[in-house]
Amino acid sequence: MSKFFIDRPIVAMVIAILMVIVGAVTITSLPVAHFPNIVPPEIQLQASYVGADRADTEQIRLPRLSNSKSTAWTT
């Protein structure tokens, strides 16, 4: 069987292209209910800022913490 495809590489390429086309058509017709539920990862942060109230902590520290955590995961 492998000798057939070695001797006729065009047939092997046509079959591969047909498989890709059939796969693309099939995935576009797949209902959303059959896709798995993917939940994005979550991170919980706890920070203390001595001498500041809640509003100061949210405005000053939280953006720094969230930016540092979000950029650490992209590398």
PDB file of N, CA and C in Angstrom:
ATOM      1  N   MET A   1       0.816  -1.194   0.000  1.00  0.00           N
ATOM      2  CA  MET A   1       0.000   0.000   0.000  1.00  0.00           C
ATOM      3  C   MET A   1       0.865   1.265   0.000  1.00  0.00           C
ATOM      4  N   SER A   2       1.925   1.278   0.814  1.00  0.00           N
ATOM      5  CA  SER A   2       2.781   2.458   0.850  1.00  0.00           C
ATOM      6  C   SER A   2       3.513   2.660  -0.478  1.00  0.00           C
ATOM      7  N   LYS A   3       3.831   1.578  -1.174  1.00  0.00           N
ATOM      8  CA  LYS A   3       4.498   1.680  -2.468  1.00  0.00           C
ATOM      9  C   LYS A   3       3.609   2.413  -3.471  1.00  0.00           C
ATOM     10  N   PHE A   4       2.308   2.213  -3.359  1.00  0.00           N
ATOM     11  CA  PHE A   4       1.351   2.899  -4.243  1.00  0.00           C
ATOM     12  C   PHE A   4       1.485   4.415  -4.084  1.00  0.00           C
ATOM     13  N   PHE A   5       1.545   4.905  -2.812  1.00  0.00           N
ATOM     14  CA  PHE A   5       1.629   6.343  -2.578  1.00  0.00           C
ATOM     15  C   PHE A   5       3.029   6.887  -2.847  1.00  0.00           C
ATOM     16  N   ILE A   6       4.035   6.071  -2.703  1.00  0.00           N
ATOM     17  CA  ILE A   6       5.390   6.503  -3.034  1.00  0.00           C
ATOM     18  C   ILE A   6       5.533   6.684  -4.544  1.00  0.00           C
ATOM     19  N   ASP A   7       4.948   5.764  -5.290  1.00  0.00           N
ATOM     20  CA  ASP A   7       5.013   5.850  -6.748  1.00  0.00           C
ATOM     21  C   ASP A   7       4.116   6.953  -7.299  1.00  0.00           C
ATOM     22  N   ARG A   8       3.056   7.308  -6.578  1.00  0.00           N
ATOM     23  CA  ARG A   8       2.100   8.320  -7.049  1.00  0.00           C
ATOM     24  C   ARG A   8       1.918   9.407  -5.974  1.00  0.00           C
ATOM     25  N   PRO A   9       2.858  10.337  -5.846  1.00  0.00           N
ATOM     26  CA  PRO A   9       2.757  11.362  -4.793  1.00  0.00           C
ATOM     27  C   PRO A   9       1.595  12.328  -5.010  1.00  0.00           C
ATOM     28  N   ILE A  10       1.162  12.498  -6.249  1.00  0.00           N
ATOM     29  CA  ILE A  10       0.041  13.388  -6.537  1.00  0.00           C
ATOM     30  C   ILE A  10      -1.227  12.851  -5.870  1.00  0.00           C
ATOM     31  N   VAL A  11      -1.420  11.545  -5.922  1.00  0.00           N
ATOM     32  CA  VAL A  11      -2.603  10.937  -5.291  1.00  0.00           C
ATOM     33  C   VAL A  11      -2.563  11.171  -3.785  1.00  0.00           C
ATOM     34  N   ALA A  12      -1.388  11.041  -3.193  1.00  0.00           N
ATOM     35  CA  ALA A  12      -1.255  11.264  -1.758  1.00  0.00           C
ATOM     36  C   ALA A  12      -1.572  12.713  -1.397  1.00  0.00           C
ATOM     37  N   MET A  13      -1.111  13.660  -2.207  1.00  0.00           N
ATOM     38  CA  MET A  13      -1.401  15.069  -1.947  1.00  0.00           C
ATOM     39  C   MET A  13      -2.883  15.376  -2.115  1.00  0.00           C
ATOM     40  N   VAL A  14      -3.509  14.813  -3.128  1.00  0.00           N
ATOM     41  CA  VAL A  14      -4.938  15.044  -3.348  1.00  0.00           C
ATOM     42  C   VAL A  14      -5.754  14.499  -2.179  1.00  0.00           C
ATOM     43  N   ILE A  15      -5.393  13.322  -1.687  1.00  0.00           N
ATOM     44  CA  ILE A  15      -6.110  12.745  -0.544  1.00  0.00           C
ATOM     45  C   ILE A  15      -5.911  13.623   0.696  1.00  0.00           C
ATOM     46  N   ALA A  16      -4.700  14.121   0.908  1.00  0.00           N
ATOM     47  CA  ALA A  16      -4.441  14.990   2.058  1.00  0.00           C
ATOM     48  C   ALA A  16      -5.241  16.283   1.961  1.00  0.00           C
ATOM     49  N   ILE A  17      -5.299  16.883   0.774  1.00  0.00           N
ATOM     50  CA  ILE A  17      -6.062  18.117   0.582  1.00  0.00           C
ATOM     51  C   ILE A  17      -7.551  17.856   0.796  1.00  0.00           C
ATOM     52  N   LEU A  18      -8.050  16.744   0.290  1.00  0.00           N
ATOM     53  CA  LEU A  18      -9.458  16.402   0.502  1.00  0.00           C
ATOM     54  C   LEU A  18      -9.772  16.212   1.992  1.00  0.00           C
ATOM     55  N   MET A  19      -8.849  15.608   2.718  1.00  0.00           N
ATOM     56  CA  MET A  19      -9.073  15.427   4.149  1.00  0.00           C
ATOM     57  C   MET A  19      -9.128  16.768   4.880  1.00  0.00           C
ATOM     58  N   VAL A  20      -8.282  17.710   4.479  1.00  0.00           N
ATOM     59  CA  VAL A  20      -8.305  19.038   5.088  1.00  0.00           C
ATOM     60  C   VAL A  20      -9.613  19.751   4.767  1.00  0.00           C
ATOM     61  N   ILE A  21     -10.072  19.660   3.522  1.00  0.00           N
ATOM     62  CA  ILE A  21     -11.325  20.307   3.129  1.00  0.00           C
ATOM     63  C   ILE A  21     -12.504  19.697   3.882  1.00  0.00           C
ATOM     64  N   VAL A  22     -12.547  18.378   3.957  1.00  0.00           N
ATOM     65  CA  VAL A  22     -13.633  17.714   4.689  1.00  0.00           C
ATOM     66  C   VAL A  22     -13.593  18.108   6.163  1.00  0.00           C
ATOM     67  N   GLY A  23     -12.417  18.193   6.753  1.00  0.00           N
ATOM     68  CA  GLY A  23     -12.297  18.608   8.148  1.00  0.00           C
ATOM     69  C   GLY A  23     -12.764  20.029   8.361  1.00  0.00           C
ATOM     70  N   ALA A  24     -12.421  20.941   7.448  1.00  0.00           N
ATOM     71  CA  ALA A  24     -12.846  22.334   7.568  1.00  0.00           C
ATOM     72  C   ALA A  24     -14.362  22.460   7.446  1.00  0.00           C
ATOM     73  N   VAL A  25     -14.940  21.738   6.511  1.00  0.00           N
ATOM     74  CA  VAL A  25     -16.400  21.770   6.345  1.00  0.00           C
ATOM     75  C   VAL A  25     -17.080  21.186   7.576  1.00  0.00           C
ATOM     76  N   THR A  26     -16.516  20.116   8.104  1.00  0.00           N
ATOM     77  CA  THR A  26     -17.120  19.466   9.261  1.00  0.00           C
ATOM     78  C   THR A  26     -17.043  20.349  10.494  1.00  0.00           C
ATOM     79  N   ILE A  27     -15.935  21.026  10.707  1.00  0.00           N
ATOM     80  CA  ILE A  27     -15.800  21.848  11.909  1.00  0.00           C
ATOM     81  C   ILE A  27     -16.699  23.074  11.848  1.00  0.00           C
ATOM     82  N   THR A  28     -16.973  23.588  10.664  1.00  0.00           N
ATOM     83  CA  THR A  28     -17.883  24.728  10.567  1.00  0.00           C
ATOM     84  C   THR A  28     -19.328  24.308  10.785  1.00  0.00           C
ATOM     85  N   SER A  29     -19.648  23.058  10.542  1.00  0.00           N
ATOM     86  CA  SER A  29     -21.027  22.604  10.749  1.00  0.00           C
ATOM     87  C   SER A  29     -21.243  22.003  12.133  1.00  0.00           C
ATOM     88  N   LEU A  30     -20.199  21.926  12.966  1.00  0.00           N
ATOM     89  CA  LEU A  30     -20.316  21.366  14.307  1.00  0.00           C
ATOM     90  C   LEU A  30     -21.048  22.349  15.211  1.00  0.00           C
ATOM     91  N   PRO A  31     -22.106  21.903  15.884  1.00  0.00           N
ATOM     92  CA  PRO A  31     -22.838  22.820  16.763  1.00  0.00           C
ATOM     93  C   PRO A  31     -21.980  23.267  17.948  1.00  0.00           C
ATOM     94  N   VAL A  32     -22.273  24.446  18.453  1.00  0.00           N
ATOM     95  CA  VAL A  32     -21.509  25.000  19.562  1.00  0.00           C
ATOM     96  C   VAL A  32     -21.663  24.137  20.807  1.00  0.00           C
ATOM     97  N   ALA A  33     -22.765  23.438  20.945  1.00  0.00           N
ATOM     98  CA  ALA A  33     -23.006  22.596  22.113  1.00  0.00           C
ATOM     99  C   ALA A  33     -21.988  21.466  22.215  1.00  0.00           C
ATOM    100  N   HIS A  34     -21.363  21.096  21.123  1.00  0.00           N
ATOM    101  CA  HIS A  34     -20.387  20.010  21.147  1.00  0.00           C
ATOM    102  C   HIS A  34     -18.971  20.466  21.457  1.00  0.00           C
ATOM    103  N   PHE A  35     -18.745  21.785  21.544  1.00  0.00           N
ATOM    104  CA  PHE A  35     -17.428  22.285  21.911  1.00  0.00           C
ATOM    105  C   PHE A  35     -17.262  22.181  23.425  1.00  0.00           C
ATOM    106  N   PRO A  36     -16.065  21.929  23.904  1.00  0.00           N
ATOM    107  CA  PRO A  36     -15.880  21.842  25.364  1.00  0.00           C
ATOM    108  C   PRO A  36     -15.967  23.217  26.012  1.00  0.00           C
ATOM    109  N   ASN A  37     -16.374  23.236  27.275  1.00  0.00           N
ATOM    110  CA  ASN A  37     -16.409  24.483  28.025  1.00  0.00           C
ATOM    111  C   ASN A  37     -14.990  24.831  28.448  1.00  0.00           C
ATOM    112  N   ILE A  38     -14.524  25.982  28.006  1.00  0.00           N
ATOM    113  CA  ILE A  38     -13.171  26.424  28.329  1.00  0.00           C
ATOM    114  C   ILE A  38     -13.289  27.635  29.238  1.00  0.00           C
ATOM    115  N   VAL A  39     -12.751  27.518  30.424  1.00  0.00           N
ATOM    116  CA  VAL A  39     -12.809  28.595  31.405  1.00  0.00           C
ATOM    117  C   VAL A  39     -11.431  29.254  31.463  1.00  0.00           C
ATOM    118  N   PRO A  40     -11.387  30.569  31.294  1.00  0.00           N
ATOM    119  CA  PRO A  40     -10.082  31.232  31.367  1.00  0.00           C
ATOM    120  C   PRO A  40      -9.510  31.132  32.784  1.00  0.00           C
ATOM    121  N   PRO A  41      -8.199  31.083  32.904  1.00  0.00           N
ATOM    122  CA  PRO A  41      -7.599  30.983  34.235  1.00  0.00           C
ATOM    123  C   PRO A  41      -7.860  32.237  35.069  1.00  0.00           C
ATOM    124  N   GLU A  42      -7.990  32.038  36.365  1.00  0.00           N
ATOM    125  CA  GLU A  42      -8.228  33.150  37.275  1.00  0.00           C
ATOM    126  C   GLU A  42      -7.134  33.188  38.322  1.00  0.00           C
ATOM    127  N   ILE A  43      -6.820  34.410  38.752  1.00  0.00           N
ATOM    128  CA  ILE A  43      -5.825  34.611  39.803  1.00  0.00           C
ATOM    129  C   ILE A  43      -6.451  35.479  40.875  1.00  0.00           C
ATOM    130  N   GLN A  44      -6.265  35.086  42.115  1.00  0.00           N
ATOM    131  CA  GLN A  44      -6.722  35.903  43.227  1.00  0.00           C
ATOM    132  C   GLN A  44      -5.513  36.570  43.865  1.00  0.00           C
ATOM    133  N   LEU A  45      -5.608  37.877  44.064  1.00  0.00           N
ATOM    134  CA  LEU A  45      -4.519  38.624  44.680  1.00  0.00           C
ATOM    135  C   LEU A  45      -4.996  39.197  46.005  1.00  0.00           C
ATOM    136  N   GLN A  46      -4.110  39.199  46.963  1.00  0.00           N
ATOM    137  CA  GLN A  46      -4.386  39.839  48.235  1.00  0.00           C
ATOM    138  C   GLN A  46      -3.227  40.755  48.538  1.00  0.00           C
ATOM    139  N   ALA A  47      -3.526  42.048  48.723  1.00  0.00           N
ATOM    140  CA  ALA A  47      -2.473  43.020  48.952  1.00  0.00           C
ATOM    141  C   ALA A  47      -2.838  43.893  50.140  1.00  0.00           C
ATOM    142  N   SER A  48      -1.842  44.244  50.886  1.00  0.00           N
ATOM    143  CA  SER A  48      -2.059  45.188  52.000  1.00  0.00           C
ATOM    144  C   SER A  48      -1.155  46.390  51.782  1.00  0.00           C
ATOM    145  N   TYR A  49      -1.702  47.535  52.043  1.00  0.00           N
ATOM    146  CA  TYR A  49      -0.971  48.779  51.869  1.00  0.00           C
ATOM    147  C   TYR A  49      -1.154  49.560  53.163  1.00  0.00           C
ATOM    148  N   VAL A  50      -0.171  49.531  54.025  1.00  0.00           N
ATOM    149  CA  VAL A  50      -0.273  50.108  55.365  1.00  0.00           C
ATOM    150  C   VAL A  50      -0.467  51.617  55.267  1.00  0.00           C
ATOM    151  N   GLY A  51      -1.484  52.110  55.958  1.00  0.00           N
ATOM    152  CA  GLY A  51      -1.742  53.538  56.012  1.00  0.00           C
ATOM    153  C   GLY A  51      -2.636  54.045  54.899  1.00  0.00           C
ATOM    154  N   ALA A  52      -3.191  53.170  54.095  1.00  0.00           N
ATOM    155  CA  ALA A  52      -4.056  53.609  52.993  1.00  0.00           C
ATOM    156  C   ALA A  52      -5.441  53.000  53.175  1.00  0.00           C
ATOM    157  N   ASP A  53      -6.430  53.730  52.722  1.00  0.00           N
ATOM    158  CA  ASP A  53      -7.781  53.166  52.771  1.00  0.00           C
ATOM    159  C   ASP A  53      -8.035  52.351  51.504  1.00  0.00           C
ATOM    160  N   ARG A  54      -9.235  51.826  51.392  1.00  0.00           N
ATOM    161  CA  ARG A  54      -9.557  50.929  50.279  1.00  0.00           C
ATOM    162  C   ARG A  54      -9.442  51.618  48.918  1.00  0.00           C
ATOM    163  N   ALA A  55      -9.921  52.860  48.838  1.00  0.00           N
ATOM    164  CA  ALA A  55      -9.888  53.581  47.558  1.00  0.00           C
ATOM    165  C   ALA A  55      -8.448  53.813  47.090  1.00  0.00           C
ATOM    166  N   ASP A  56      -7.577  54.196  48.038  1.00  0.00           N
ATOM    167  CA  ASP A  56      -6.165  54.400  47.666  1.00  0.00           C
ATOM    168  C   ASP A  56      -5.529  53.102  47.187  1.00  0.00           C
ATOM    169  N   THR A  57      -5.834  52.012  47.882  1.00  0.00           N
ATOM    170  CA  THR A  57      -5.275  50.720  47.493  1.00  0.00           C
ATOM    171  C   THR A  57      -5.734  50.328  46.102  1.00  0.00           C
ATOM    172  N   GLU A  58      -7.006  50.541  45.809  1.00  0.00           N
ATOM    173  CA  GLU A  58      -7.534  50.203  44.482  1.00  0.00           C
ATOM    174  C   GLU A  58      -6.914  51.066  43.397  1.00  0.00           C
ATOM    175  N   GLN A  59      -6.694  52.340  43.670  1.00  0.00           N
ATOM    176  CA  GLN A  59      -6.188  53.251  42.648  1.00  0.00           C
ATOM    177  C   GLN A  59      -4.676  53.168  42.467  1.00  0.00           C
ATOM    178  N   ILE A  60      -3.951  52.874  43.543  1.00  0.00           N
ATOM    179  CA  ILE A  60      -2.491  52.916  43.459  1.00  0.00           C
ATOM    180  C   ILE A  60      -1.895  51.535  43.242  1.00  0.00           C
ATOM    181  N   ARG A  61      -2.210  50.596  44.123  1.00  0.00           N
ATOM    182  CA  ARG A  61      -1.541  49.301  44.106  1.00  0.00           C
ATOM    183  C   ARG A  61      -2.150  48.313  43.122  1.00  0.00           C
ATOM    184  N   LEU A  62      -3.469  48.298  43.025  1.00  0.00           N
ATOM    185  CA  LEU A  62      -4.123  47.285  42.203  1.00  0.00           C
ATOM    186  C   LEU A  62      -3.723  47.348  40.730  1.00  0.00           C
ATOM    187  N   PRO A  63      -3.660  48.517  40.105  1.00  0.00           N
ATOM    188  CA  PRO A  63      -3.200  48.527  38.697  1.00  0.00           C
ATOM    189  C   PRO A  63      -1.785  47.991  38.533  1.00  0.00           C
ATOM    190  N   ARG A  64      -0.899  48.300  39.485  1.00  0.00           N
ATOM    191  CA  ARG A  64       0.468  47.782  39.400  1.00  0.00           C
ATOM    192  C   ARG A  64       0.493  46.260  39.505  1.00  0.00           C
ATOM    193  N   LEU A  65      -0.259  45.747  40.476  1.00  0.00           N
ATOM    194  CA  LEU A  65      -0.290  44.296  40.663  1.00  0.00           C
ATOM    195  C   LEU A  65      -0.900  43.595  39.467  1.00  0.00           C
ATOM    196  N   SER A  66      -2.016  44.099  38.970  1.00  0.00           N
ATOM    197  CA  SER A  66      -2.673  43.422  37.849  1.00  0.00           C
ATOM    198  C   SER A  66      -1.825  43.497  36.584  1.00  0.00           C
ATOM    199  N   ASN A  67      -1.142  44.608  36.360  1.00  0.00           N
ATOM    200  CA  ASN A  67      -0.269  44.708  35.182  1.00  0.00           C
ATOM    201  C   ASN A  67       0.925  43.775  35.302  1.00  0.00           C
ATOM    202  N   SER A  68       1.498  43.674  36.482  1.00  0.00           N
ATOM    203  CA  SER A  68       2.665  42.805  36.630  1.00  0.00           C
ATOM    204  C   SER A  68       2.263  41.337  36.494  1.00  0.00           C
ATOM    205  N   LYS A  69       1.103  40.963  36.984  1.00  0.00           N
ATOM    206  CA  LYS A  69       0.669  39.574  36.871  1.00  0.00           C
ATOM    207  C   LYS A  69       0.256  39.236  35.442  1.00  0.00           C
ATOM    208  N   SER A  70      -0.386  40.173  34.760  1.00  0.00           N
ATOM    209  CA  SER A  70      -0.836  39.872  33.398  1.00  0.00           C
ATOM    210  C   SER A  70       0.335  39.797  32.426  1.00  0.00           C
ATOM    211  N   THR A  71       1.383  40.582  32.643  1.00  0.00           N
ATOM    212  CA  THR A  71       2.519  40.512  31.726  1.00  0.00           C
ATOM    213  C   THR A  71       3.438  39.353  32.049  1.00  0.00           C
ATOM    214  N   ALA A  72       3.380  38.861  33.285  1.00  0.00           N
ATOM    215  CA  ALA A  72       4.252  37.734  33.652  1.00  0.00           C
ATOM    216  C   ALA A  72       3.816  36.454  32.956  1.00  0.00           C
ATOM    217  N   TRP A  73       2.554  36.330  32.631  1.00  0.00           N
ATOM    218  CA  TRP A  73       2.035  35.105  32.005  1.00  0.00           C
ATOM    219  C   TRP A  73       2.209  35.091  30.498  1.00  0.00           C
ATOM    220  N   THR A  74       2.548  36.222  29.892  1.00  0.00           N
ATOM    221  CA  THR A  74       2.631  36.262  28.433  1.00  0.00           C
ATOM    222  C   THR A  74       3.993  35.857  27.909  1.00  0.00           C
ATOM    223  N   THR A  75       4.977  35.683  28.774  1.00  0.00           N
ATOM    224  CA  THR A  75       6.304  35.347  28.286  1.00  0.00           C
ATOM    225  C   THR A  75       6.470  33.870  28.128  1.00  0.00           C
TER     226      THR A  75
END
